[in-house]
Amino acid sequence: MAELTSLITATPEEGRLLAIQLARKSIVAIQPDGDTRKSLRQAYATDTMQLMMAAQIVALEFQTIALANNHWKKTD
């Protein structure tokens, strides 16, 4: 993956995709061994709670990106 240089995205959808990329990069940074990550997939692939936790991590990354992009600006 390319080096991250900015959180600025053209659209909220691009921000969501960036959030997924950031979450994936975090996992690789935490567990750099690809074989170990691959062996763990079987456990979380069928565990609803672990999948929900992964989605929560992506949501937190998206929240950061959305704030940086002012995607939730008020339109008063």
Protein backbone atom coordinates (compact mmCIF):
# COMPACT_ATOMS: atom_id res chain seq x y z
CA MET A 1 0.00 0.00 0.00
CA ALA A 2 1.11 3.50 -0.74
CA GLU A 3 2.22 5.86 1.99
CA LEU A 4 -0.63 7.90 3.47
CA THR A 5 -0.07 11.60 2.83
CA SER A 6 -3.49 13.04 3.64
CA LEU A 7 -6.90 12.28 5.10
CA ILE A 8 -8.56 14.60 2.59
CA THR A 9 -10.91 12.81 0.17
CA ALA A 10 -13.16 14.09 -2.60
CA THR A 11 -16.27 12.26 -1.37
CA PRO A 12 -17.52 10.49 1.75
CA GLU A 13 -17.34 7.19 -0.20
CA GLU A 14 -13.63 7.74 -0.85
CA GLY A 15 -13.33 8.47 2.86
CA ARG A 16 -14.97 5.15 3.70
CA LEU A 17 -12.57 3.31 1.41
CA LEU A 18 -9.66 5.12 3.02
CA ALA A 19 -10.99 4.11 6.46
CA ILE A 20 -10.94 0.45 5.40
CA GLN A 21 -7.39 0.87 4.09
CA LEU A 22 -6.28 2.47 7.37
CA ALA A 23 -7.85 -0.31 9.43
CA ARG A 24 -6.07 -2.91 7.30
CA LYS A 25 -2.75 -1.07 7.66
CA SER A 26 -3.23 -1.00 11.43
CA ILE A 27 -3.75 -4.76 11.53
CA VAL A 28 -0.59 -5.34 9.48
CA ALA A 29 1.35 -3.01 11.80
CA ILE A 30 0.09 -4.84 14.87
CA GLN A 31 0.60 -8.33 13.40
CA PRO A 32 3.24 -8.09 10.66
CA ASP A 33 3.48 -11.85 10.08
CA GLY A 34 1.25 -12.69 7.11
CA ASP A 35 1.04 -16.39 7.95
CA THR A 36 -0.21 -15.61 11.45
CA ARG A 37 -2.83 -13.18 10.11
CA LYS A 38 -3.96 -15.78 7.60
CA SER A 39 -4.27 -18.46 10.28
CA LEU A 40 -6.39 -16.14 12.44
CA ARG A 41 -8.89 -15.39 9.64
CA GLN A 42 -10.69 -18.69 10.14
CA ALA A 43 -11.49 -17.74 13.75
CA TYR A 44 -12.90 -14.29 13.04
CA ALA A 45 -14.56 -15.12 9.72
CA THR A 46 -17.34 -16.98 11.53
CA ASP A 47 -17.42 -14.97 14.77
CA THR A 48 -20.12 -12.31 14.65
CA MET A 49 -18.69 -10.33 17.56
CA GLN A 50 -15.21 -10.16 16.04
CA LEU A 51 -16.66 -9.03 12.70
CA MET A 52 -18.70 -6.34 14.47
CA MET A 53 -15.55 -5.17 16.26
CA ALA A 54 -13.74 -4.94 12.91
CA ALA A 55 -16.61 -2.85 11.53
CA GLN A 56 -16.36 -0.59 14.59
CA ILE A 57 -12.67 0.01 13.89
CA VAL A 58 -13.49 1.02 10.32
CA ALA A 59 -16.22 3.33 11.64
CA LEU A 60 -13.76 5.03 14.00
CA GLU A 61 -11.28 5.52 11.15
CA PHE A 62 -14.10 6.95 8.99
CA GLN A 63 -15.13 9.31 11.78
CA THR A 64 -11.59 10.73 11.83
CA ILE A 65 -11.54 11.11 8.04
CA ALA A 66 -15.01 12.67 7.96
CA LEU A 67 -14.00 15.21 10.58
CA ALA A 68 -10.81 16.04 8.65
CA ASN A 69 -12.91 16.56 5.51
CA ASN A 70 -15.75 18.37 7.25
CA HIS A 71 -18.18 15.87 5.66
CA TRP A 72 -20.58 16.51 8.54
CA LYS A 73 -20.63 20.27 8.21
CA LYS A 74 -23.79 22.10 9.16
CA THR A 75 -25.75 23.56 6.27
CA ASP A 76 -27.74 26.18 8.19
